[in-house]
């Protein structure tokens, strides 16, 4: 059974940094590309970053490129998102999941990131 637990969010001023963590269970996920997504109230969930199963290839949404860094530690079943130079428009609930994900995929509770101006 897949479980995803996101943590590390909080309130930060613009220009600040946060590091998100996503612990995943389910033995097959370490063989999946993993990603971070975010969602604000009333909008659809959007892609933020992706990392290949072995961590060697990453990709980012244009809006976060150069500011966010995704990484993973398969020995710890954890995916990270280092977020620097945060902007108010980065405010959202952040989730992790596989890339791609199916329509009936399980989602964790997410972690709230709030960036004040």
PDB file of N, CA and C in Angstrom:
ATOM      1  N   UNK A   1       0.846  -1.188   0.000  1.00  0.00           N
ATOM      2  CA  UNK A   1       0.000   0.000   0.000  1.00  0.00           C
ATOM      3  C   UNK A   1       0.883   1.240   0.000  1.00  0.00           C
ATOM      4  N   UNK A   2       0.611   2.138  -0.934  1.00  0.00           N
ATOM      5  CA  UNK A   2       1.413   3.348  -1.062  1.00  0.00           C
ATOM      6  C   UNK A   2       0.994   4.371  -0.018  1.00  0.00           C
ATOM      7  N   UNK A   3       1.985   4.979   0.609  1.00  0.00           N
ATOM      8  CA  UNK A   3       1.727   6.114   1.502  1.00  0.00           C
ATOM      9  C   UNK A   3       2.729   7.204   1.189  1.00  0.00           C
ATOM     10  N   UNK A   4       2.271   8.423   1.218  1.00  0.00           N
ATOM     11  CA  UNK A   4       3.109   9.584   0.966  1.00  0.00           C
ATOM     12  C   UNK A   4       2.885  10.572   2.097  1.00  0.00           C
ATOM     13  N   UNK A   5       3.962  11.031   2.729  1.00  0.00           N
ATOM     14  CA  UNK A   5       3.855  11.956   3.855  1.00  0.00           C
ATOM     15  C   UNK A   5       4.774  13.135   3.597  1.00  0.00           C
ATOM     16  N   UNK A   6       4.169  14.282   3.327  1.00  0.00           N
ATOM     17  CA  UNK A   6       4.924  15.501   3.060  1.00  0.00           C
ATOM     18  C   UNK A   6       5.097  16.296   4.351  1.00  0.00           C
ATOM     19  N   UNK A   7       6.245  16.972   4.467  1.00  0.00           N
ATOM     20  CA  UNK A   7       6.515  17.793   5.644  1.00  0.00           C
ATOM     21  C   UNK A   7       7.508  18.895   5.282  1.00  0.00           C
ATOM     22  N   UNK A   8       7.675  19.838   6.191  1.00  0.00           N
ATOM     23  CA  UNK A   8       8.674  20.875   6.004  1.00  0.00           C
ATOM     24  C   UNK A   8       8.128  22.233   5.609  1.00  0.00           C
ATOM     25  N   UNK A   9       6.832  22.321   5.376  1.00  0.00           N
ATOM     26  CA  UNK A   9       6.267  23.607   4.999  1.00  0.00           C
ATOM     27  C   UNK A   9       6.229  24.573   6.167  1.00  0.00           C
ATOM     28  N   UNK A  10       5.801  25.792   5.883  1.00  0.00           N
ATOM     29  CA  UNK A  10       5.709  26.790   6.935  1.00  0.00           C
ATOM     30  C   UNK A  10       5.520  28.166   6.358  1.00  0.00           C
ATOM     31  N   UNK A  11       5.675  29.157   7.230  1.00  0.00           N
ATOM     32  CA  UNK A  11       5.542  30.560   6.849  1.00  0.00           C
ATOM     33  C   UNK A  11       6.930  31.164   6.734  1.00  0.00           C
ATOM     34  N   UNK A  12       7.215  31.813   5.625  1.00  0.00           N
ATOM     35  CA  UNK A  12       8.522  32.396   5.391  1.00  0.00           C
ATOM     36  C   UNK A  12       8.346  33.717   4.652  1.00  0.00           C
ATOM     37  N   UNK A  13       9.273  34.630   4.846  1.00  0.00           N
ATOM     38  CA  UNK A  13       9.232  35.892   4.127  1.00  0.00           C
ATOM     39  C   UNK A  13       9.766  35.715   2.713  1.00  0.00           C
ATOM     40  N   UNK A  14       9.348  36.578   1.835  1.00  0.00           N
ATOM     41  CA  UNK A  14       9.848  36.554   0.463  1.00  0.00           C
ATOM     42  C   UNK A  14      11.370  36.632   0.474  1.00  0.00           C
ATOM     43  N   UNK A  15      11.983  35.813  -0.373  1.00  0.00           N
ATOM     44  CA  UNK A  15      13.429  35.719  -0.414  1.00  0.00           C
ATOM     45  C   UNK A  15      14.003  34.636   0.468  1.00  0.00           C
ATOM     46  N   UNK A  16      13.176  34.073   1.320  1.00  0.00           N
ATOM     47  CA  UNK A  16      13.624  33.027   2.223  1.00  0.00           C
ATOM     48  C   UNK A  16      13.670  31.651   1.581  1.00  0.00           C
ATOM     49  N   UNK A  17      13.966  30.649   2.421  1.00  0.00           N
ATOM     50  CA  UNK A  17      14.126  29.276   1.933  1.00  0.00           C
ATOM     51  C   UNK A  17      13.367  28.292   2.814  1.00  0.00           C
ATOM     52  N   UNK A  18      12.967  27.197   2.215  1.00  0.00           N
ATOM     53  CA  UNK A  18      12.391  26.062   2.927  1.00  0.00           C
ATOM     54  C   UNK A  18      12.861  24.789   2.249  1.00  0.00           C
ATOM     55  N   UNK A  19      12.898  23.710   3.019  1.00  0.00           N
ATOM     56  CA  UNK A  19      13.215  22.398   2.460  1.00  0.00           C
ATOM     57  C   UNK A  19      12.070  21.445   2.792  1.00  0.00           C
ATOM     58  N   UNK A  20      11.419  20.976   1.762  1.00  0.00           N
ATOM     59  CA  UNK A  20      10.330  20.023   1.933  1.00  0.00           C
ATOM     60  C   UNK A  20      10.854  18.598   1.838  1.00  0.00           C
ATOM     61  N   UNK A  21      10.185  17.709   2.572  1.00  0.00           N
ATOM     62  CA  UNK A  21      10.513  16.285   2.517  1.00  0.00           C
ATOM     63  C   UNK A  21       9.260  15.489   2.219  1.00  0.00           C
ATOM     64  N   UNK A  22       9.429  14.389   1.530  1.00  0.00           N
ATOM     65  CA  UNK A  22       8.318  13.483   1.240  1.00  0.00           C
ATOM     66  C   UNK A  22       8.790  12.074   1.505  1.00  0.00           C
ATOM     67  N   UNK A  23       8.252  11.462   2.553  1.00  0.00           N
ATOM     68  CA  UNK A  23       8.545  10.077   2.841  1.00  0.00           C
ATOM     69  C   UNK A  23       7.546   9.195   2.128  1.00  0.00           C
ATOM     70  N   UNK A  24       8.036   8.194   1.415  1.00  0.00           N
ATOM     71  CA  UNK A  24       7.126   7.317   0.699  1.00  0.00           C
ATOM     72  C   UNK A  24       7.343   5.873   1.089  1.00  0.00           C
ATOM     73  N   UNK A  25       6.258   5.144   1.132  1.00  0.00           N
ATOM     74  CA  UNK A  25       6.317   3.712   1.385  1.00  0.00           C
ATOM     75  C   UNK A  25       5.693   3.002   0.201  1.00  0.00           C
ATOM     76  N   UNK A  26       5.911   1.707   0.110  1.00  0.00           N
ATOM     77  CA  UNK A  26       5.514   1.005  -1.095  1.00  0.00           C
ATOM     78  C   UNK A  26       6.786   0.706  -1.868  1.00  0.00           C
ATOM     79  N   UNK A  27       7.164  -0.559  -1.914  1.00  0.00           N
ATOM     80  CA  UNK A  27       8.503  -0.935  -2.381  1.00  0.00           C
ATOM     81  C   UNK A  27       8.775  -0.535  -3.818  1.00  0.00           C
ATOM     82  N   UNK A  28       7.722  -0.303  -4.608  1.00  0.00           N
ATOM     83  CA  UNK A  28       7.968  -0.017  -6.021  1.00  0.00           C
ATOM     84  C   UNK A  28       8.282   1.445  -6.288  1.00  0.00           C
ATOM     85  N   UNK A  29       7.998   2.336  -5.366  1.00  0.00           N
ATOM     86  CA  UNK A  29       8.154   3.761  -5.657  1.00  0.00           C
ATOM     87  C   UNK A  29       9.597   4.163  -5.873  1.00  0.00           C
ATOM     88  N   UNK A  30      10.541   3.439  -5.297  1.00  0.00           N
ATOM     89  CA  UNK A  30      11.928   3.817  -5.529  1.00  0.00           C
ATOM     90  C   UNK A  30      12.333   3.581  -6.983  1.00  0.00           C
ATOM     91  N   UNK A  31      11.509   2.842  -7.725  1.00  0.00           N
ATOM     92  CA  UNK A  31      11.779   2.609  -9.138  1.00  0.00           C
ATOM     93  C   UNK A  31      10.988   3.547 -10.040  1.00  0.00           C
ATOM     94  N   UNK A  32      10.262   4.481  -9.430  1.00  0.00           N
ATOM     95  CA  UNK A  32       9.463   5.452 -10.176  1.00  0.00           C
ATOM     96  C   UNK A  32      10.127   6.816 -10.201  1.00  0.00           C
ATOM     97  N   UNK A  33       9.916   7.543 -11.301  1.00  0.00           N
ATOM     98  CA  UNK A  33      10.195   8.961 -11.259  1.00  0.00           C
ATOM     99  C   UNK A  33       9.237   9.575 -10.251  1.00  0.00           C
ATOM    100  N   UNK A  34       9.746  10.517  -9.458  1.00  0.00           N
ATOM    101  CA  UNK A  34       8.932  11.176  -8.445  1.00  0.00           C
ATOM    102  C   UNK A  34       8.908  12.675  -8.719  1.00  0.00           C
ATOM    103  N   UNK A  35       7.894  13.325  -8.215  1.00  0.00           N
ATOM    104  CA  UNK A  35       7.788  14.750  -8.460  1.00  0.00           C
ATOM    105  C   UNK A  35       7.107  15.490  -7.343  1.00  0.00           C
ATOM    106  N   UNK A  36       7.224  16.786  -7.412  1.00  0.00           N
ATOM    107  CA  UNK A  36       6.491  17.673  -6.520  1.00  0.00           C
ATOM    108  C   UNK A  36       5.454  18.441  -7.342  1.00  0.00           C
ATOM    109  N   UNK A  37       4.315  18.624  -6.717  1.00  0.00           N
ATOM    110  CA  UNK A  37       3.221  19.368  -7.307  1.00  0.00           C
ATOM    111  C   UNK A  37       2.741  20.383  -6.279  1.00  0.00           C
ATOM    112  N   UNK A  38       2.001  21.392  -6.732  1.00  0.00           N
ATOM    113  CA  UNK A  38       1.437  22.333  -5.780  1.00  0.00           C
ATOM    114  C   UNK A  38       0.041  22.770  -6.231  1.00  0.00           C
ATOM    115  N   UNK A  39      -0.727  23.204  -5.246  1.00  0.00           N
ATOM    116  CA  UNK A  39      -2.108  23.593  -5.531  1.00  0.00           C
ATOM    117  C   UNK A  39      -2.521  24.717  -4.593  1.00  0.00           C
ATOM    118  N   UNK A  40      -3.134  25.736  -5.166  1.00  0.00           N
ATOM    119  CA  UNK A  40      -3.737  26.785  -4.373  1.00  0.00           C
ATOM    120  C   UNK A  40      -5.246  26.622  -4.453  1.00  0.00           C
ATOM    121  N   UNK A  41      -5.951  27.219  -3.507  1.00  0.00           N
ATOM    122  CA  UNK A  41      -7.400  27.032  -3.431  1.00  0.00           C
ATOM    123  C   UNK A  41      -8.060  27.493  -4.720  1.00  0.00           C
ATOM    124  N   UNK A  42      -8.889  26.648  -5.261  1.00  0.00           N
ATOM    125  CA  UNK A  42      -9.639  27.013  -6.453  1.00  0.00           C
ATOM    126  C   UNK A  42      -8.895  26.794  -7.753  1.00  0.00           C
ATOM    127  N   UNK A  43      -7.694  26.227  -7.687  1.00  0.00           N
ATOM    128  CA  UNK A  43      -6.951  25.975  -8.915  1.00  0.00           C
ATOM    129  C   UNK A  43      -6.636  24.493  -9.022  1.00  0.00           C
ATOM    130  N   UNK A  44      -6.221  24.090 -10.198  1.00  0.00           N
ATOM    131  CA  UNK A  44      -5.819  22.704 -10.381  1.00  0.00           C
ATOM    132  C   UNK A  44      -4.387  22.509  -9.885  1.00  0.00           C
ATOM    133  N   UNK A  45      -4.088  21.290  -9.540  1.00  0.00           N
ATOM    134  CA  UNK A  45      -2.742  20.954  -9.080  1.00  0.00           C
ATOM    135  C   UNK A  45      -1.757  21.121 -10.235  1.00  0.00           C
ATOM    136  N   UNK A  46      -0.632  21.777  -9.992  1.00  0.00           N
ATOM    137  CA  UNK A  46       0.345  22.005 -11.062  1.00  0.00           C
ATOM    138  C   UNK A  46       1.675  21.341 -10.752  1.00  0.00           C
ATOM    139  N   UNK A  47       2.353  20.959 -11.800  1.00  0.00           N
ATOM    140  CA  UNK A  47       3.664  20.323 -11.721  1.00  0.00           C
ATOM    141  C   UNK A  47       4.712  21.337 -11.280  1.00  0.00           C
ATOM    142  N   UNK A  48       5.616  20.910 -10.418  1.00  0.00           N
ATOM    143  CA  UNK A  48       6.706  21.772  -9.958  1.00  0.00           C
ATOM    144  C   UNK A  48       8.062  21.227 -10.377  1.00  0.00           C
ATOM    145  N   UNK A  49       8.317  19.951 -10.068  1.00  0.00           N
ATOM    146  CA  UNK A  49       9.643  19.384 -10.346  1.00  0.00           C
ATOM    147  C   UNK A  49       9.533  17.871 -10.435  1.00  0.00           C
ATOM    148  N   UNK A  50      10.491  17.287 -11.160  1.00  0.00           N
ATOM    149  CA  UNK A  50      10.528  15.843 -11.374  1.00  0.00           C
ATOM    150  C   UNK A  50      11.952  15.354 -11.196  1.00  0.00           C
ATOM    151  N   UNK A  51      12.081  14.112 -10.707  1.00  0.00           N
ATOM    152  CA  UNK A  51      13.398  13.492 -10.588  1.00  0.00           C
ATOM    153  C   UNK A  51      13.285  12.045 -11.034  1.00  0.00           C
ATOM    154  N   UNK A  52      14.271  11.579 -11.769  1.00  0.00           N
ATOM    155  CA  UNK A  52      14.279  10.209 -12.289  1.00  0.00           C
ATOM    156  C   UNK A  52      14.488   9.206 -11.150  1.00  0.00           C
ATOM    157  N   UNK A  53      14.237   7.932 -11.407  1.00  0.00           N
ATOM    158  CA  UNK A  53      14.355   6.934 -10.333  1.00  0.00           C
ATOM    159  C   UNK A  53      15.724   6.906  -9.644  1.00  0.00           C
ATOM    160  N   UNK A  54      16.789   7.088 -10.403  1.00  0.00           N
ATOM    161  CA  UNK A  54      18.116   7.046  -9.769  1.00  0.00           C
ATOM    162  C   UNK A  54      18.621   8.434  -9.392  1.00  0.00           C
ATOM    163  N   UNK A  55      17.809   9.459  -9.629  1.00  0.00           N
ATOM    164  CA  UNK A  55      18.192  10.813  -9.253  1.00  0.00           C
ATOM    165  C   UNK A  55      19.070  11.535 -10.244  1.00  0.00           C
ATOM    166  N   UNK A  56      19.361  10.909 -11.359  1.00  0.00           N
ATOM    167  CA  UNK A  56      20.315  11.497 -12.285  1.00  0.00           C
ATOM    168  C   UNK A  56      19.763  12.572 -13.202  1.00  0.00           C
ATOM    169  N   UNK A  57      18.450  12.583 -13.365  1.00  0.00           N
ATOM    170  CA  UNK A  57      17.823  13.545 -14.285  1.00  0.00           C
ATOM    171  C   UNK A  57      16.727  14.289 -13.546  1.00  0.00           C
ATOM    172  N   UNK A  58      16.739  15.599 -13.660  1.00  0.00           N
ATOM    173  CA  UNK A  58      15.714  16.427 -13.027  1.00  0.00           C
ATOM    174  C   UNK A  58      15.131  17.392 -14.053  1.00  0.00           C
ATOM    175  N   UNK A  59      13.922  17.825 -13.796  1.00  0.00           N
ATOM    176  CA  UNK A  59      13.303  18.849 -14.625  1.00  0.00           C
ATOM    177  C   UNK A  59      12.393  19.697 -13.752  1.00  0.00           C
ATOM    178  N   UNK A  60      12.127  20.929 -14.208  1.00  0.00           N
ATOM    179  CA  UNK A  60      11.402  21.895 -13.393  1.00  0.00           C
ATOM    180  C   UNK A  60      10.411  22.696 -14.222  1.00  0.00           C
ATOM    181  N   UNK A  61       9.379  23.153 -13.555  1.00  0.00           N
ATOM    182  CA  UNK A  61       8.495  24.131 -14.172  1.00  0.00           C
ATOM    183  C   UNK A  61       9.280  25.426 -14.359  1.00  0.00           C
ATOM    184  N   UNK A  62       8.965  26.158 -15.410  1.00  0.00           N
ATOM    185  CA  UNK A  62       9.690  27.405 -15.688  1.00  0.00           C
ATOM    186  C   UNK A  62       9.606  28.376 -14.510  1.00  0.00           C
ATOM    187  N   UNK A  63       8.512  28.351 -13.809  1.00  0.00           N
ATOM    188  CA  UNK A  63       8.294  29.313 -12.720  1.00  0.00           C
ATOM    189  C   UNK A  63       9.227  29.100 -11.529  1.00  0.00           C
ATOM    190  N   UNK A  64       9.818  27.916 -11.419  1.00  0.00           N
ATOM    191  CA  UNK A  64      10.693  27.638 -10.266  1.00  0.00           C
ATOM    192  C   UNK A  64      12.129  27.332 -10.683  1.00  0.00           C
ATOM    193  N   UNK A  65      12.384  27.267 -11.963  1.00  0.00           N
ATOM    194  CA  UNK A  65      13.716  26.911 -12.458  1.00  0.00           C
ATOM    195  C   UNK A  65      14.754  27.900 -11.940  1.00  0.00           C
ATOM    196  N   UNK A  66      15.849  27.371 -11.425  1.00  0.00           N
ATOM    197  CA  UNK A  66      16.917  28.211 -10.890  1.00  0.00           C
ATOM    198  C   UNK A  66      16.740  28.559  -9.422  1.00  0.00           C
ATOM    199  N   UNK A  67      15.551  28.279  -8.873  1.00  0.00           N
ATOM    200  CA  UNK A  67      15.290  28.577  -7.463  1.00  0.00           C
ATOM    201  C   UNK A  67      15.044  27.314  -6.641  1.00  0.00           C
ATOM    202  N   UNK A  68      14.443  26.302  -7.242  1.00  0.00           N
ATOM    203  CA  UNK A  68      14.113  25.054  -6.544  1.00  0.00           C
ATOM    204  C   UNK A  68      15.042  23.945  -7.016  1.00  0.00           C
ATOM    205  N   UNK A  69      15.330  23.018  -6.098  1.00  0.00           N
ATOM    206  CA  UNK A  69      16.133  21.846  -6.428  1.00  0.00           C
ATOM    207  C   UNK A  69      15.482  20.602  -5.841  1.00  0.00           C
ATOM    208  N   UNK A  70      15.219  19.625  -6.693  1.00  0.00           N
ATOM    209  CA  UNK A  70      14.648  18.364  -6.243  1.00  0.00           C
ATOM    210  C   UNK A  70      15.763  17.336  -6.102  1.00  0.00           C
ATOM    211  N   UNK A  71      15.646  16.496  -5.089  1.00  0.00           N
ATOM    212  CA  UNK A  71      16.625  15.420  -4.884  1.00  0.00           C
ATOM    213  C   UNK A  71      15.903  14.250  -4.221  1.00  0.00           C
ATOM    214  N   UNK A  72      16.584  13.115  -4.157  1.00  0.00           N
ATOM    215  CA  UNK A  72      15.982  11.948  -3.516  1.00  0.00           C
ATOM    216  C   UNK A  72      17.040  11.096  -2.867  1.00  0.00           C
ATOM    217  N   UNK A  73      16.622  10.354  -1.858  1.00  0.00           N
ATOM    218  CA  UNK A  73      17.484   9.385  -1.183  1.00  0.00           C
ATOM    219  C   UNK A  73      16.687   8.087  -1.109  1.00  0.00           C
ATOM    220  N   UNK A  74      16.923   7.192  -2.047  1.00  0.00           N
ATOM    221  CA  UNK A  74      16.137   5.963  -2.104  1.00  0.00           C
ATOM    222  C   UNK A  74      16.388   5.056  -0.909  1.00  0.00           C
ATOM    223  N   UNK A  75      17.551   5.163  -0.289  1.00  0.00           N
ATOM    224  CA  UNK A  75      17.830   4.370   0.904  1.00  0.00           C
ATOM    225  C   UNK A  75      16.913   4.783   2.053  1.00  0.00           C
ATOM    226  N   UNK A  76      16.497   6.042   2.029  1.00  0.00           N
ATOM    227  CA  UNK A  76      15.600   6.561   3.071  1.00  0.00           C
ATOM    228  C   UNK A  76      14.165   6.699   2.569  1.00  0.00           C
ATOM    229  N   UNK A  77      13.915   6.285   1.338  1.00  0.00           N
ATOM    230  CA  UNK A  77      12.581   6.424   0.752  1.00  0.00           C
ATOM    231  C   UNK A  77      12.058   7.855   0.898  1.00  0.00           C
ATOM    232  N   UNK A  78      12.869   8.808   0.527  1.00  0.00           N
ATOM    233  CA  UNK A  78      12.521  10.213   0.716  1.00  0.00           C
ATOM    234  C   UNK A  78      12.884  11.027  -0.521  1.00  0.00           C
ATOM    235  N   UNK A  79      12.005  11.955  -0.856  1.00  0.00           N
ATOM    236  CA  UNK A  79      12.242  12.932  -1.904  1.00  0.00           C
ATOM    237  C   UNK A  79      12.238  14.321  -1.250  1.00  0.00           C
ATOM    238  N   UNK A  80      13.119  15.186  -1.691  1.00  0.00           N
ATOM    239  CA  UNK A  80      13.258  16.518  -1.105  1.00  0.00           C
ATOM    240  C   UNK A  80      12.989  17.595  -2.149  1.00  0.00           C
ATOM    241  N   UNK A  81      12.620  18.765  -1.665  1.00  0.00           N
ATOM    242  CA  UNK A  81      12.514  19.939  -2.524  1.00  0.00           C
ATOM    243  C   UNK A  81      13.114  21.118  -1.762  1.00  0.00           C
ATOM    244  N   UNK A  82      14.290  21.540  -2.195  1.00  0.00           N
ATOM    245  CA  UNK A  82      14.922  22.729  -1.626  1.00  0.00           C
ATOM    246  C   UNK A  82      14.396  23.938  -2.372  1.00  0.00           C
ATOM    247  N   UNK A  83      13.797  24.860  -1.642  1.00  0.00           N
ATOM    248  CA  UNK A  83      13.183  26.033  -2.259  1.00  0.00           C
ATOM    249  C   UNK A  83      13.893  27.283  -1.761  1.00  0.00           C
ATOM    250  N   UNK A  84      14.527  27.983  -2.667  1.00  0.00           N
ATOM    251  CA  UNK A  84      15.241  29.219  -2.336  1.00  0.00           C
ATOM    252  C   UNK A  84      14.589  30.397  -3.041  1.00  0.00           C
ATOM    253  N   UNK A  85      14.919  31.599  -2.592  1.00  0.00           N
ATOM    254  CA  UNK A  85      14.395  32.830  -3.207  1.00  0.00           C
ATOM    255  C   UNK A  85      12.881  32.752  -3.372  1.00  0.00           C
ATOM    256  N   UNK A  86      12.216  32.365  -2.316  1.00  0.00           N
ATOM    257  CA  UNK A  86      10.767  32.166  -2.395  1.00  0.00           C
ATOM    258  C   UNK A  86      10.030  33.463  -2.672  1.00  0.00           C
ATOM    259  N   UNK A  87       8.936  33.334  -3.414  1.00  0.00           N
ATOM    260  CA  UNK A  87       8.104  34.469  -3.792  1.00  0.00           C
ATOM    261  C   UNK A  87       6.678  34.246  -3.270  1.00  0.00           C
ATOM    262  N   UNK A  88       5.931  35.307  -3.083  1.00  0.00           N
ATOM    263  CA  UNK A  88       4.539  35.130  -2.628  1.00  0.00           C
ATOM    264  C   UNK A  88       3.728  34.204  -3.541  1.00  0.00           C
ATOM    265  N   UNK A  89       4.025  34.210  -4.825  1.00  0.00           N
ATOM    266  CA  UNK A  89       3.288  33.340  -5.741  1.00  0.00           C
ATOM    267  C   UNK A  89       3.641  31.868  -5.584  1.00  0.00           C
ATOM    268  N   UNK A  90       4.630  31.543  -4.766  1.00  0.00           N
ATOM    269  CA  UNK A  90       4.937  30.143  -4.456  1.00  0.00           C
ATOM    270  C   UNK A  90       4.019  29.604  -3.356  1.00  0.00           C
ATOM    271  N   UNK A  91       3.224  30.468  -2.762  1.00  0.00           N
ATOM    272  CA  UNK A  91       2.308  30.035  -1.716  1.00  0.00           C
ATOM    273  C   UNK A  91       1.330  29.002  -2.256  1.00  0.00           C
ATOM    274  N   UNK A  92       1.283  27.845  -1.601  1.00  0.00           N
ATOM    275  CA  UNK A  92       0.436  26.737  -2.063  1.00  0.00           C
ATOM    276  C   UNK A  92       0.581  25.576  -1.091  1.00  0.00           C
ATOM    277  N   UNK A  93      -0.248  24.558  -1.280  1.00  0.00           N
ATOM    278  CA  UNK A  93      -0.035  23.273  -0.622  1.00  0.00           C
ATOM    279  C   UNK A  93       0.800  22.434  -1.581  1.00  0.00           C
ATOM    280  N   UNK A  94       1.875  21.880  -1.072  1.00  0.00           N
ATOM    281  CA  UNK A  94       2.797  21.105  -1.889  1.00  0.00           C
ATOM    282  C   UNK A  94       2.614  19.616  -1.616  1.00  0.00           C
ATOM    283  N   UNK A  95       2.582  18.851  -2.706  1.00  0.00           N
ATOM    284  CA  UNK A  95       2.401  17.413  -2.649  1.00  0.00           C
ATOM    285  C   UNK A  95       3.504  16.717  -3.432  1.00  0.00           C
ATOM    286  N   UNK A  96       3.792  15.486  -3.068  1.00  0.00           N
ATOM    287  CA  UNK A  96       4.679  14.668  -3.894  1.00  0.00           C
ATOM    288  C   UNK A  96       3.886  13.483  -4.426  1.00  0.00           C
ATOM    289  N   UNK A  97       4.352  12.951  -5.529  1.00  0.00           N
ATOM    290  CA  UNK A  97       3.740  11.770  -6.118  1.00  0.00           C
ATOM    291  C   UNK A  97       4.608  11.290  -7.255  1.00  0.00           C
ATOM    292  N   UNK A  98       4.189  10.210  -7.863  1.00  0.00           N
ATOM    293  CA  UNK A  98       4.931   9.703  -9.014  1.00  0.00           C
ATOM    294  C   UNK A  98       4.712  10.630 -10.204  1.00  0.00           C
ATOM    295  N   UNK A  99       5.602  10.506 -11.183  1.00  0.00           N
ATOM    296  CA  UNK A  99       5.464  11.236 -12.436  1.00  0.00           C
ATOM    297  C   UNK A  99       5.580  10.223 -13.571  1.00  0.00           C
ATOM    298  N   UNK A 100       4.536  10.020 -14.370  1.00  0.00           N
ATOM    299  CA  UNK A 100       3.206  10.601 -14.208  1.00  0.00           C
ATOM    300  C   UNK A 100       2.416   9.890 -13.116  1.00  0.00           C
ATOM    301  N   UNK A 101       1.242  10.384 -12.836  1.00  0.00           N
ATOM    302  CA  UNK A 101       0.370   9.720 -11.872  1.00  0.00           C
ATOM    303  C   UNK A 101      -0.948   9.376 -12.559  1.00  0.00           C
ATOM    304  N   UNK A 102      -1.612   8.356 -12.040  1.00  0.00           N
ATOM    305  CA  UNK A 102      -2.880   7.937 -12.617  1.00  0.00           C
ATOM    306  C   UNK A 102      -4.026   8.734 -11.998  1.00  0.00           C
ATOM    307  N   UNK A 103      -5.171   8.657 -12.636  1.00  0.00           N
ATOM    308  CA  UNK A 103      -6.318   9.447 -12.179  1.00  0.00           C
ATOM    309  C   UNK A 103      -6.800   9.025 -10.799  1.00  0.00           C
ATOM    310  N   UNK A 104      -6.561   7.784 -10.417  1.00  0.00           N
ATOM    311  CA  UNK A 104      -7.040   7.310  -9.110  1.00  0.00           C
ATOM    312  C   UNK A 104      -5.891   7.150  -8.121  1.00  0.00           C
ATOM    313  N   UNK A 105      -4.813   7.882  -8.334  1.00  0.00           N
ATOM    314  CA  UNK A 105      -3.651   7.738  -7.478  1.00  0.00           C
ATOM    315  C   UNK A 105      -3.931   8.254  -6.071  1.00  0.00           C
ATOM    316  N   UNK A 106      -3.202   7.715  -5.106  1.00  0.00           N
ATOM    317  CA  UNK A 106      -3.306   8.178  -3.732  1.00  0.00           C
ATOM    318  C   UNK A 106      -2.507   9.476  -3.574  1.00  0.00           C
ATOM    319  N   UNK A 107      -3.073  10.458  -2.849  1.00  0.00           N
ATOM    320  CA  UNK A 107      -2.376  11.700  -2.515  1.00  0.00           C
ATOM    321  C   UNK A 107      -2.246  11.819  -1.004  1.00  0.00           C
ATOM    322  N   UNK A 108      -1.084  12.281  -0.543  1.00  0.00           N
ATOM    323  CA  UNK A 108      -0.910  12.556   0.866  1.00  0.00           C
ATOM    324  C   UNK A 108      -1.639  13.829   1.264  1.00  0.00           C
ATOM    325  N   UNK A 109      -1.393  14.275   2.486  1.00  0.00           N
ATOM    326  CA  UNK A 109      -2.105  15.450   2.996  1.00  0.00           C
ATOM    327  C   UNK A 109      -1.468  16.751   2.511  1.00  0.00           C
ATOM    328  N   UNK A 110      -0.263  16.664   1.975  1.00  0.00           N
ATOM    329  CA  UNK A 110       0.434  17.858   1.512  1.00  0.00           C
ATOM    330  C   UNK A 110       1.013  18.649   2.671  1.00  0.00           C
ATOM    331  N   UNK A 111       1.793  19.664   2.324  1.00  0.00           N
ATOM    332  CA  UNK A 111       2.368  20.555   3.333  1.00  0.00           C
ATOM    333  C   UNK A 111       2.213  21.993   2.848  1.00  0.00           C
ATOM    334  N   UNK A 112       1.714  22.852   3.729  1.00  0.00           N
ATOM    335  CA  UNK A 112       1.399  24.226   3.352  1.00  0.00           C
ATOM    336  C   UNK A 112       2.656  25.084   3.363  1.00  0.00           C
ATOM    337  N   UNK A 113       2.867  25.803   2.281  1.00  0.00           N
ATOM    338  CA  UNK A 113       3.935  26.793   2.192  1.00  0.00           C
ATOM    339  C   UNK A 113       3.284  28.153   2.002  1.00  0.00           C
ATOM    340  N   UNK A 114       3.624  29.083   2.879  1.00  0.00           N
ATOM    341  CA  UNK A 114       3.082  30.433   2.790  1.00  0.00           C
ATOM    342  C   UNK A 114       4.244  31.416   2.768  1.00  0.00           C
ATOM    343  N   UNK A 115       4.290  32.234   1.720  1.00  0.00           N
ATOM    344  CA  UNK A 115       5.355  33.210   1.548  1.00  0.00           C
ATOM    345  C   UNK A 115       4.754  34.600   1.670  1.00  0.00           C
ATOM    346  N   UNK A 116       5.200  35.342   2.655  1.00  0.00           N
ATOM    347  CA  UNK A 116       4.689  36.689   2.864  1.00  0.00           C
ATOM    348  C   UNK A 116       5.557  37.709   2.138  1.00  0.00           C
ATOM    349  N   UNK A 117       4.916  38.770   1.704  1.00  0.00           N
ATOM    350  CA  UNK A 117       5.649  39.806   0.953  1.00  0.00           C
ATOM    351  C   UNK A 117       6.205  40.869   1.890  1.00  0.00           C
TER     352      UNK A 117
END
